């Protein structure tokens, strides 16, 4: 019996940024080289997680809750696997938290990523995720992301879209925002952009 194809919440965010990023990583021998910005972001991410352990839950408007860090979750039924930065559990409710080193507010790709983690938590831990939190270590702002029906449906549809083009090994069209291509470490492989 073959293993089911599992994608990650991070790949949903990357797919929203540009569908070809996931295609090149999954369907071709091309490997992304780590950029200085990627290294810097990972280092800031680790620093933020260390700081989080000393903080109260007030930034999340929660009086209490158990923090679970670096939580690995897998759901073959959803076709997802991933490692969540932080999950705050308060009784039967849970709140996934993602940390990003950016000054921009959470975009649609970040919302897909966080919602995918919520779907994983609900499927594997049988907890309810009404919303999650997205925190910027640059601006020190924490945004609440509600997991409404529309976002959940969009997340499930994106999971299926990504799984389908990987299984078919079909190169998706590039992003329509060609400004993203200027700093892309994969732009030399596209051939039909810029």
N, C-alpha and C. Protein backbone atom coordinates (compact mmCIF):
# COMPACT_ATOMS: atom_id res chain seq x y z
N UNK A 1 0.84 -1.18 0.00
CA UNK A 1 0.00 0.00 0.00
C UNK A 1 0.89 1.25 0.00
N UNK A 2 0.58 2.20 -0.85
CA UNK A 2 1.40 3.41 -0.94
C UNK A 2 1.00 4.40 0.15
N UNK A 3 1.99 5.15 0.58
CA UNK A 3 1.76 6.19 1.58
C UNK A 3 0.97 7.34 0.94
N UNK A 4 0.05 7.95 1.69
CA UNK A 4 -0.68 9.10 1.13
C UNK A 4 0.26 10.30 0.99
N UNK A 5 -0.01 11.12 0.00
CA UNK A 5 0.76 12.34 -0.20
C UNK A 5 0.37 13.35 0.87
N UNK A 6 1.32 13.75 1.68
CA UNK A 6 1.08 14.73 2.73
C UNK A 6 1.80 16.02 2.37
N UNK A 7 1.09 17.13 2.46
CA UNK A 7 1.73 18.43 2.25
C UNK A 7 1.75 19.15 3.59
N UNK A 8 2.46 20.26 3.64
CA UNK A 8 2.60 20.99 4.90
C UNK A 8 1.84 22.32 4.84
N UNK A 9 1.46 22.84 6.01
CA UNK A 9 0.87 24.18 6.03
C UNK A 9 1.80 25.24 5.43
N UNK A 10 3.09 25.06 5.61
CA UNK A 10 4.04 26.00 5.01
C UNK A 10 3.94 25.98 3.49
N UNK A 11 3.73 24.79 2.92
CA UNK A 11 3.59 24.70 1.46
C UNK A 11 2.32 25.41 0.98
N UNK A 12 1.29 25.45 1.80
CA UNK A 12 0.08 26.21 1.42
C UNK A 12 0.41 27.70 1.33
N UNK A 13 1.19 28.18 2.31
CA UNK A 13 1.60 29.59 2.28
C UNK A 13 2.48 29.85 1.07
N UNK A 14 3.43 28.96 0.79
CA UNK A 14 4.31 29.13 -0.37
C UNK A 14 3.51 29.09 -1.68
N UNK A 15 2.55 28.19 -1.74
CA UNK A 15 1.71 28.08 -2.94
C UNK A 15 0.96 29.39 -3.19
N UNK A 16 0.48 30.01 -2.13
CA UNK A 16 -0.22 31.28 -2.30
C UNK A 16 0.74 32.35 -2.81
N UNK A 17 1.98 32.32 -2.31
CA UNK A 17 2.98 33.30 -2.75
C UNK A 17 3.30 33.09 -4.23
N UNK A 18 3.64 31.85 -4.58
CA UNK A 18 3.84 31.46 -5.97
C UNK A 18 3.72 29.94 -6.05
N UNK A 19 2.78 29.44 -6.83
CA UNK A 19 2.55 27.99 -6.91
C UNK A 19 3.77 27.20 -7.37
N UNK A 20 4.67 27.85 -8.09
CA UNK A 20 5.82 27.12 -8.62
C UNK A 20 6.85 26.77 -7.55
N UNK A 21 6.87 27.48 -6.44
CA UNK A 21 7.82 27.15 -5.38
C UNK A 21 7.63 25.71 -4.93
N UNK A 22 6.39 25.34 -4.64
CA UNK A 22 6.09 23.98 -4.19
C UNK A 22 6.35 22.98 -5.33
N UNK A 23 5.99 23.34 -6.54
CA UNK A 23 6.22 22.45 -7.68
C UNK A 23 7.71 22.11 -7.82
N UNK A 24 8.57 23.12 -7.82
CA UNK A 24 10.00 22.88 -7.99
C UNK A 24 10.56 22.04 -6.84
N UNK A 25 10.09 22.27 -5.62
CA UNK A 25 10.61 21.51 -4.49
C UNK A 25 10.12 20.06 -4.49
N UNK A 26 8.90 19.83 -4.92
CA UNK A 26 8.32 18.49 -4.85
C UNK A 26 8.47 17.66 -6.11
N UNK A 27 8.50 18.30 -7.25
CA UNK A 27 8.41 17.55 -8.51
C UNK A 27 9.67 17.60 -9.37
N UNK A 28 10.67 18.33 -8.96
CA UNK A 28 11.90 18.43 -9.75
C UNK A 28 13.10 18.24 -8.82
N UNK A 29 14.28 17.99 -9.38
CA UNK A 29 15.46 17.85 -8.52
C UNK A 29 16.02 19.19 -8.04
N UNK A 30 15.39 20.30 -8.41
CA UNK A 30 15.86 21.63 -8.02
C UNK A 30 15.66 21.80 -6.51
N UNK A 31 16.67 22.28 -5.84
CA UNK A 31 16.57 22.59 -4.42
C UNK A 31 16.83 24.08 -4.22
N UNK A 32 16.01 24.67 -3.37
CA UNK A 32 16.19 26.10 -3.09
C UNK A 32 17.43 26.30 -2.25
N UNK A 33 18.20 27.30 -2.61
CA UNK A 33 19.33 27.65 -1.75
C UNK A 33 18.80 28.60 -0.68
N UNK A 34 19.34 28.48 0.49
CA UNK A 34 18.89 29.34 1.57
C UNK A 34 19.50 30.72 1.40
N UNK A 35 18.66 31.73 1.42
CA UNK A 35 19.12 33.10 1.28
C UNK A 35 19.48 33.67 2.66
N UNK A 36 20.16 34.79 2.66
CA UNK A 36 20.52 35.47 3.90
C UNK A 36 19.25 35.82 4.68
N UNK A 37 18.21 36.27 3.96
CA UNK A 37 16.95 36.61 4.62
C UNK A 37 16.31 35.39 5.28
N UNK A 38 16.41 34.23 4.65
CA UNK A 38 15.85 33.01 5.23
C UNK A 38 16.59 32.64 6.52
N UNK A 39 17.91 32.71 6.47
CA UNK A 39 18.72 32.39 7.65
C UNK A 39 18.40 33.36 8.79
N UNK A 40 18.37 34.63 8.46
CA UNK A 40 18.07 35.66 9.46
C UNK A 40 16.68 35.44 10.06
N UNK A 41 15.71 35.14 9.22
CA UNK A 41 14.34 34.91 9.69
C UNK A 41 14.27 33.72 10.63
N UNK A 42 14.99 32.63 10.31
CA UNK A 42 14.98 31.45 11.16
C UNK A 42 15.61 31.75 12.52
N UNK A 43 16.69 32.53 12.52
CA UNK A 43 17.34 32.90 13.78
C UNK A 43 16.42 33.75 14.64
N UNK A 44 15.74 34.72 14.03
CA UNK A 44 14.81 35.58 14.77
C UNK A 44 13.63 34.76 15.30
N UNK A 45 13.21 33.77 14.52
CA UNK A 45 12.11 32.90 14.91
C UNK A 45 12.48 32.15 16.21
N UNK A 46 13.68 31.61 16.27
CA UNK A 46 14.12 30.88 17.46
C UNK A 46 14.23 31.80 18.67
N UNK A 47 14.72 33.01 18.45
CA UNK A 47 14.80 33.99 19.54
C UNK A 47 13.42 34.31 20.08
N UNK A 48 12.45 34.46 19.19
CA UNK A 48 11.08 34.78 19.60
C UNK A 48 10.47 33.64 20.42
N UNK A 49 10.74 32.41 20.05
CA UNK A 49 10.22 31.27 20.81
C UNK A 49 10.80 31.22 22.22
N UNK A 50 12.08 31.58 22.38
CA UNK A 50 12.70 31.64 23.70
C UNK A 50 12.02 32.72 24.54
N UNK A 51 11.78 33.87 23.95
CA UNK A 51 11.10 34.96 24.67
C UNK A 51 9.68 34.59 25.06
N UNK A 52 9.00 33.86 24.18
CA UNK A 52 7.61 33.49 24.43
C UNK A 52 7.46 32.67 25.71
N UNK A 53 8.43 31.87 26.02
CA UNK A 53 8.37 31.01 27.21
C UNK A 53 8.33 31.83 28.51
N UNK A 54 8.79 33.09 28.46
CA UNK A 54 8.81 33.94 29.65
C UNK A 54 7.57 34.83 29.77
N UNK A 55 6.75 34.87 28.74
CA UNK A 55 5.63 35.81 28.70
C UNK A 55 4.36 35.23 29.31
N UNK A 56 3.46 36.13 29.64
CA UNK A 56 2.11 35.71 30.05
C UNK A 56 1.27 35.52 28.80
N UNK A 57 0.04 35.11 28.98
CA UNK A 57 -0.86 34.91 27.84
C UNK A 57 -1.69 36.16 27.52
N UNK A 58 -1.36 37.28 28.14
CA UNK A 58 -2.17 38.50 27.97
C UNK A 58 -2.23 38.99 26.52
N UNK A 59 -1.17 38.79 25.75
CA UNK A 59 -1.20 39.24 24.36
C UNK A 59 -2.25 38.48 23.55
N UNK A 60 -2.68 37.32 24.06
CA UNK A 60 -3.70 36.52 23.39
C UNK A 60 -5.08 36.69 24.03
N UNK A 61 -5.17 37.61 24.96
CA UNK A 61 -6.43 37.83 25.70
C UNK A 61 -6.93 36.55 26.36
N UNK A 62 -5.99 35.76 26.87
CA UNK A 62 -6.33 34.53 27.57
C UNK A 62 -5.84 34.63 29.02
N UNK A 63 -6.66 34.21 29.95
CA UNK A 63 -6.28 34.24 31.36
C UNK A 63 -5.39 33.05 31.70
N UNK A 64 -5.66 31.92 31.05
CA UNK A 64 -4.86 30.74 31.33
C UNK A 64 -4.83 29.83 30.11
N UNK A 65 -3.93 28.87 30.15
CA UNK A 65 -3.81 27.90 29.07
C UNK A 65 -2.46 27.22 29.15
N UNK A 66 -2.41 26.05 28.60
CA UNK A 66 -1.16 25.28 28.55
C UNK A 66 -0.50 25.53 27.20
N UNK A 67 0.78 25.86 27.23
CA UNK A 67 1.54 26.07 25.99
C UNK A 67 2.20 24.76 25.58
N UNK A 68 2.05 24.42 24.30
CA UNK A 68 2.73 23.26 23.73
C UNK A 68 3.54 23.76 22.54
N UNK A 69 4.86 23.59 22.61
CA UNK A 69 5.76 24.11 21.59
C UNK A 69 6.16 23.04 20.58
N UNK A 70 6.45 23.49 19.37
CA UNK A 70 6.98 22.62 18.31
C UNK A 70 6.19 21.32 18.22
N UNK A 71 4.90 21.47 18.07
CA UNK A 71 3.98 20.33 18.07
C UNK A 71 3.89 19.73 16.67
N UNK A 72 4.31 18.47 16.53
CA UNK A 72 4.25 17.77 15.23
C UNK A 72 2.91 17.08 15.12
N UNK A 73 2.20 17.36 14.01
CA UNK A 73 0.88 16.80 13.77
C UNK A 73 0.81 16.22 12.36
N UNK A 74 0.10 15.11 12.21
CA UNK A 74 -0.08 14.49 10.91
C UNK A 74 -1.50 13.95 10.80
N UNK A 75 -2.15 14.23 9.68
CA UNK A 75 -3.47 13.69 9.41
C UNK A 75 -3.53 13.20 7.97
N UNK A 76 -3.42 11.88 7.76
CA UNK A 76 -3.56 11.35 6.40
C UNK A 76 -4.92 11.70 5.78
N UNK A 77 -5.96 11.75 6.62
CA UNK A 77 -7.30 12.08 6.10
C UNK A 77 -7.32 13.49 5.50
N UNK A 78 -6.62 14.42 6.11
CA UNK A 78 -6.55 15.78 5.58
C UNK A 78 -5.48 15.92 4.50
N UNK A 79 -4.52 14.99 4.50
CA UNK A 79 -3.40 15.09 3.57
C UNK A 79 -2.39 16.12 4.04
N UNK A 80 -2.29 16.30 5.37
CA UNK A 80 -1.43 17.33 5.94
C UNK A 80 -0.48 16.76 6.99
N UNK A 81 0.68 17.38 7.09
CA UNK A 81 1.60 17.13 8.19
C UNK A 81 2.37 18.41 8.43
N UNK A 82 2.73 18.67 9.67
CA UNK A 82 3.49 19.89 9.94
C UNK A 82 3.85 20.03 11.39
N UNK A 83 4.71 21.01 11.65
CA UNK A 83 5.14 21.31 13.02
C UNK A 83 4.71 22.73 13.36
N UNK A 84 3.85 22.83 14.32
CA UNK A 84 3.29 24.11 14.75
C UNK A 84 4.21 24.76 15.78
N UNK A 85 4.44 26.07 15.63
CA UNK A 85 5.30 26.80 16.56
C UNK A 85 4.80 26.67 17.99
N UNK A 86 3.52 26.96 18.19
CA UNK A 86 2.95 26.98 19.54
C UNK A 86 1.46 26.69 19.46
N UNK A 87 0.99 25.89 20.40
CA UNK A 87 -0.44 25.67 20.57
C UNK A 87 -0.77 25.99 22.01
N UNK A 88 -1.76 26.85 22.20
CA UNK A 88 -2.25 27.16 23.54
C UNK A 88 -3.55 26.40 23.73
N UNK A 89 -3.59 25.57 24.77
CA UNK A 89 -4.76 24.74 25.03
C UNK A 89 -5.44 25.24 26.30
N UNK A 90 -6.74 25.53 26.17
CA UNK A 90 -7.55 25.99 27.30
C UNK A 90 -8.81 25.12 27.33
N UNK A 91 -8.75 24.05 28.12
CA UNK A 91 -9.88 23.13 28.18
C UNK A 91 -10.02 22.38 26.87
N UNK A 92 -11.20 22.48 26.25
CA UNK A 92 -11.45 21.82 24.96
C UNK A 92 -11.14 22.73 23.77
N UNK A 93 -10.74 23.95 24.05
CA UNK A 93 -10.39 24.89 22.99
C UNK A 93 -8.87 24.98 22.83
N UNK A 94 -8.45 25.21 21.61
CA UNK A 94 -7.02 25.35 21.33
C UNK A 94 -6.81 26.49 20.35
N UNK A 95 -5.66 27.12 20.45
CA UNK A 95 -5.34 28.30 19.65
C UNK A 95 -3.93 28.15 19.07
N UNK A 96 -3.83 27.85 17.76
CA UNK A 96 -2.51 27.77 17.15
C UNK A 96 -1.90 29.16 17.04
N UNK A 97 -0.57 29.22 17.20
CA UNK A 97 0.16 30.48 17.13
C UNK A 97 1.34 30.32 16.18
N UNK A 98 1.48 31.27 15.27
CA UNK A 98 2.62 31.31 14.36
C UNK A 98 3.40 32.59 14.60
N UNK A 99 4.72 32.50 14.59
CA UNK A 99 5.60 33.65 14.75
C UNK A 99 6.28 33.92 13.42
N UNK A 100 6.28 35.17 13.00
CA UNK A 100 6.93 35.57 11.75
C UNK A 100 7.80 36.79 12.00
N UNK A 101 8.92 36.87 11.30
CA UNK A 101 9.80 38.02 11.42
C UNK A 101 9.58 38.91 10.20
N UNK A 102 8.52 39.71 10.27
CA UNK A 102 8.16 40.59 9.17
C UNK A 102 7.46 41.82 9.74
N UNK A 103 7.47 42.89 8.97
CA UNK A 103 6.74 44.09 9.40
C UNK A 103 5.37 44.17 8.72
N UNK A 104 5.11 43.24 7.80
CA UNK A 104 3.82 43.22 7.12
C UNK A 104 2.78 42.50 7.97
N UNK A 105 1.51 42.89 7.82
CA UNK A 105 0.45 42.14 8.52
C UNK A 105 0.25 40.78 7.85
N UNK A 106 -0.44 39.87 8.51
CA UNK A 106 -0.65 38.54 7.91
C UNK A 106 -1.45 38.63 6.62
N UNK A 107 -0.94 37.99 5.59
CA UNK A 107 -1.62 37.97 4.30
C UNK A 107 -2.43 36.70 4.15
N UNK A 108 -3.06 36.54 3.00
CA UNK A 108 -3.89 35.35 2.76
C UNK A 108 -3.13 34.03 2.90
N UNK A 109 -1.87 34.01 2.47
CA UNK A 109 -1.08 32.79 2.59
C UNK A 109 -0.82 32.41 4.04
N UNK A 110 -0.56 33.42 4.86
CA UNK A 110 -0.36 33.17 6.29
C UNK A 110 -1.65 32.67 6.94
N UNK A 111 -2.77 33.19 6.50
CA UNK A 111 -4.06 32.75 7.04
C UNK A 111 -4.33 31.28 6.66
N UNK A 112 -4.00 30.91 5.42
CA UNK A 112 -4.14 29.51 4.99
C UNK A 112 -3.27 28.60 5.86
N UNK A 113 -2.02 29.02 6.07
CA UNK A 113 -1.09 28.23 6.86
C UNK A 113 -1.62 28.01 8.28
N UNK A 114 -2.05 29.08 8.92
CA UNK A 114 -2.55 28.98 10.30
C UNK A 114 -3.83 28.15 10.38
N UNK A 115 -4.71 28.32 9.41
CA UNK A 115 -5.95 27.54 9.38
C UNK A 115 -5.64 26.06 9.16
N UNK A 116 -4.65 25.75 8.35
CA UNK A 116 -4.26 24.34 8.14
C UNK A 116 -3.80 23.72 9.45
N UNK A 117 -3.06 24.48 10.25
CA UNK A 117 -2.66 23.98 11.57
C UNK A 117 -3.90 23.74 12.44
N UNK A 118 -4.86 24.65 12.37
CA UNK A 118 -6.09 24.47 13.15
C UNK A 118 -6.81 23.19 12.73
N UNK A 119 -6.90 22.94 11.44
CA UNK A 119 -7.54 21.71 10.95
C UNK A 119 -6.80 20.47 11.47
N UNK A 120 -5.48 20.54 11.49
CA UNK A 120 -4.68 19.43 12.02
C UNK A 120 -4.95 19.22 13.51
N UNK A 121 -4.99 20.30 14.27
CA UNK A 121 -5.25 20.21 15.71
C UNK A 121 -6.62 19.58 15.96
N UNK A 122 -7.61 20.06 15.23
CA UNK A 122 -8.97 19.52 15.41
C UNK A 122 -9.04 18.04 15.04
N UNK A 123 -8.37 17.66 13.95
CA UNK A 123 -8.42 16.27 13.49
C UNK A 123 -7.65 15.32 14.41
N UNK A 124 -6.49 15.75 14.86
CA UNK A 124 -5.61 14.85 15.61
C UNK A 124 -5.77 14.94 17.13
N UNK A 125 -6.09 16.11 17.64
CA UNK A 125 -6.20 16.27 19.10
C UNK A 125 -7.64 16.38 19.57
N UNK A 126 -8.57 16.46 18.62
CA UNK A 126 -10.01 16.55 18.91
C UNK A 126 -10.34 17.73 19.82
N UNK A 127 -9.69 18.85 19.54
CA UNK A 127 -9.95 20.11 20.23
C UNK A 127 -10.60 21.06 19.23
N UNK A 128 -11.26 22.09 19.71
CA UNK A 128 -11.91 23.08 18.86
C UNK A 128 -11.01 24.30 18.74
N UNK A 129 -10.80 24.75 17.51
CA UNK A 129 -9.97 25.94 17.24
C UNK A 129 -10.85 27.05 16.66
N UNK A 130 -11.38 27.94 17.49
CA UNK A 130 -12.20 29.02 16.95
C UNK A 130 -11.38 30.09 16.22
N UNK A 131 -10.15 30.29 16.67
CA UNK A 131 -9.26 31.25 16.02
C UNK A 131 -7.82 30.94 16.42
N UNK A 132 -6.90 31.62 15.76
CA UNK A 132 -5.49 31.46 16.08
C UNK A 132 -4.83 32.82 16.14
N UNK A 133 -3.52 32.81 16.37
CA UNK A 133 -2.79 34.06 16.51
C UNK A 133 -1.56 34.05 15.61
N UNK A 134 -1.29 35.21 15.04
CA UNK A 134 -0.15 35.41 14.17
C UNK A 134 0.62 36.58 14.76
N UNK A 135 1.87 36.33 15.17
CA UNK A 135 2.64 37.36 15.86
C UNK A 135 3.86 37.78 15.04
N UNK A 136 4.03 39.10 14.90
CA UNK A 136 5.20 39.65 14.21
C UNK A 136 6.26 40.03 15.24
N UNK A 137 7.43 39.41 15.13
CA UNK A 137 8.52 39.75 16.06
C UNK A 137 9.12 41.12 15.72
N UNK A 138 8.86 41.62 14.54
CA UNK A 138 9.36 42.96 14.17
C UNK A 138 8.49 44.07 14.74
N UNK A 139 7.19 43.96 14.55
CA UNK A 139 6.29 45.04 14.98
C UNK A 139 5.78 44.81 16.40
N UNK A 140 5.97 43.58 16.92
CA UNK A 140 5.49 43.18 18.24
C UNK A 140 3.96 43.14 18.29
N UNK A 141 3.33 43.07 17.13
CA UNK A 141 1.87 43.01 17.07
C UNK A 141 1.41 41.55 16.94
N UNK A 142 0.32 41.26 17.61
CA UNK A 142 -0.30 39.95 17.53
C UNK A 142 -1.67 40.11 16.90
N UNK A 143 -1.90 39.39 15.81
CA UNK A 143 -3.17 39.46 15.09
C UNK A 143 -3.99 38.21 15.37
N UNK A 144 -5.27 38.41 15.61
CA UNK A 144 -6.19 37.28 15.79
C UNK A 144 -6.76 36.90 14.43
N UNK A 145 -6.66 35.62 14.09
CA UNK A 145 -7.16 35.13 12.80
C UNK A 145 -8.33 34.19 13.08
N UNK A 146 -9.57 34.64 12.79
CA UNK A 146 -10.73 33.76 13.00
C UNK A 146 -10.79 32.67 11.93
N UNK A 147 -11.13 31.46 12.36
CA UNK A 147 -11.25 30.34 11.44
C UNK A 147 -12.71 30.16 11.05
N UNK A 148 -13.18 31.07 10.21
CA UNK A 148 -14.58 31.01 9.78
C UNK A 148 -14.73 29.97 8.67
N UNK A 149 -15.97 29.73 8.29
CA UNK A 149 -16.27 28.71 7.29
C UNK A 149 -15.58 29.01 5.97
N UNK A 150 -15.55 30.25 5.58
CA UNK A 150 -14.93 30.63 4.31
C UNK A 150 -13.45 30.29 4.28
N UNK A 151 -12.71 30.64 5.35
CA UNK A 151 -11.28 30.35 5.40
C UNK A 151 -11.04 28.84 5.47
N UNK A 152 -11.85 28.13 6.22
CA UNK A 152 -11.70 26.67 6.31
C UNK A 152 -11.92 26.02 4.94
N UNK A 153 -12.95 26.45 4.23
CA UNK A 153 -13.23 25.89 2.90
C UNK A 153 -12.11 26.22 1.91
N UNK A 154 -11.61 27.45 1.98
CA UNK A 154 -10.52 27.86 1.09
C UNK A 154 -9.26 27.05 1.39
N UNK A 155 -9.01 26.79 2.67
CA UNK A 155 -7.84 26.02 3.06
C UNK A 155 -7.95 24.58 2.54
N UNK A 156 -9.11 23.97 2.71
CA UNK A 156 -9.31 22.60 2.21
C UNK A 156 -9.16 22.54 0.68
N UNK A 157 -9.71 23.54 0.00
CA UNK A 157 -9.60 23.58 -1.46
C UNK A 157 -8.15 23.75 -1.91
N UNK A 158 -7.39 24.56 -1.19
CA UNK A 158 -5.98 24.77 -1.53
C UNK A 158 -5.17 23.51 -1.28
N UNK A 159 -5.48 22.80 -0.20
CA UNK A 159 -4.80 21.52 0.06
C UNK A 159 -4.99 20.60 -1.14
N UNK A 160 -6.22 20.50 -1.61
CA UNK A 160 -6.51 19.61 -2.74
C UNK A 160 -5.83 20.09 -4.03
N UNK A 161 -5.81 21.39 -4.26
CA UNK A 161 -5.15 21.94 -5.45
C UNK A 161 -3.66 21.59 -5.45
N UNK A 162 -3.01 21.81 -4.31
CA UNK A 162 -1.57 21.54 -4.22
C UNK A 162 -1.30 20.05 -4.37
N UNK A 163 -2.07 19.23 -3.69
CA UNK A 163 -1.90 17.77 -3.80
C UNK A 163 -2.08 17.31 -5.25
N UNK A 164 -3.07 17.87 -5.94
CA UNK A 164 -3.37 17.45 -7.30
C UNK A 164 -2.22 17.76 -8.25
N UNK A 165 -1.66 18.99 -8.20
CA UNK A 165 -0.60 19.29 -9.17
C UNK A 165 0.69 18.55 -8.83
N UNK A 166 0.90 18.21 -7.54
CA UNK A 166 2.06 17.39 -7.20
C UNK A 166 1.88 15.98 -7.75
N UNK A 167 0.70 15.40 -7.52
CA UNK A 167 0.44 14.04 -8.01
C UNK A 167 0.51 13.97 -9.54
N UNK A 168 0.02 15.00 -10.19
CA UNK A 168 0.04 15.03 -11.66
C UNK A 168 1.40 15.48 -12.23
N UNK A 169 2.28 15.97 -11.33
CA UNK A 169 3.57 16.54 -11.73
C UNK A 169 3.38 17.57 -12.84
N UNK A 170 2.41 18.43 -12.63
CA UNK A 170 2.04 19.45 -13.61
C UNK A 170 2.49 20.82 -13.10
N UNK A 171 3.31 21.49 -13.86
CA UNK A 171 3.82 22.80 -13.46
C UNK A 171 2.69 23.84 -13.50
N UNK A 172 2.39 24.46 -12.37
CA UNK A 172 1.33 25.46 -12.35
C UNK A 172 1.81 26.77 -12.98
N UNK A 173 0.88 27.65 -13.31
CA UNK A 173 1.30 28.95 -13.84
C UNK A 173 2.05 29.73 -12.75
N UNK A 174 2.92 30.67 -13.18
CA UNK A 174 3.64 31.47 -12.18
C UNK A 174 2.71 32.47 -11.52
N UNK A 175 3.22 33.10 -10.49
CA UNK A 175 2.47 34.17 -9.85
C UNK A 175 2.18 35.28 -10.86
N UNK A 176 1.07 35.95 -10.67
CA UNK A 176 0.75 37.09 -11.54
C UNK A 176 1.45 38.36 -11.07
N UNK A 177 2.04 38.32 -9.89
CA UNK A 177 2.75 39.47 -9.33
C UNK A 177 4.25 39.29 -9.59
N UNK A 178 4.68 39.69 -10.77
CA UNK A 178 6.05 39.42 -11.19
C UNK A 178 7.10 40.12 -10.32
N UNK A 179 6.72 41.07 -9.52
CA UNK A 179 7.68 41.71 -8.62
C UNK A 179 8.23 40.67 -7.63
N UNK A 180 7.46 39.64 -7.34
CA UNK A 180 7.91 38.57 -6.45
C UNK A 180 9.08 37.80 -7.08
N UNK A 181 9.13 37.77 -8.39
CA UNK A 181 10.16 37.01 -9.09
C UNK A 181 11.55 37.65 -8.95
N UNK A 182 11.60 38.94 -8.70
CA UNK A 182 12.88 39.65 -8.67
C UNK A 182 13.85 39.08 -7.64
N UNK A 183 13.35 38.68 -6.47
CA UNK A 183 14.21 38.16 -5.41
C UNK A 183 14.05 36.66 -5.21
N UNK A 184 13.36 36.00 -6.11
CA UNK A 184 13.10 34.58 -5.94
C UNK A 184 14.35 33.76 -6.25
N UNK A 185 14.69 32.86 -5.35
CA UNK A 185 15.85 32.00 -5.55
C UNK A 185 15.63 30.93 -6.62
N UNK A 186 14.39 30.81 -7.11
CA UNK A 186 14.06 29.82 -8.14
C UNK A 186 13.82 30.43 -9.52
N UNK A 187 13.98 31.73 -9.67
CA UNK A 187 13.60 32.39 -10.91
C UNK A 187 14.37 31.88 -12.13
N UNK A 188 15.57 31.40 -11.94
CA UNK A 188 16.35 30.88 -13.08
C UNK A 188 15.73 29.61 -13.67
N UNK A 189 14.85 28.95 -12.92
CA UNK A 189 14.28 27.69 -13.38
C UNK A 189 12.93 27.87 -14.08
N UNK A 190 12.32 29.02 -13.90
CA UNK A 190 11.00 29.23 -14.49
C UNK A 190 11.08 29.37 -16.01
N UNK A 191 11.93 30.25 -16.49
CA UNK A 191 12.11 30.40 -17.92
C UNK A 191 11.04 31.24 -18.62
N UNK A 192 9.88 31.43 -18.02
CA UNK A 192 8.83 32.21 -18.69
C UNK A 192 8.41 33.42 -17.85
N UNK A 193 9.24 33.78 -16.90
CA UNK A 193 8.99 34.99 -16.10
C UNK A 193 10.17 35.91 -16.25
N UNK A 194 9.92 37.19 -16.16
CA UNK A 194 10.95 38.23 -16.28
C UNK A 194 11.90 37.95 -17.41
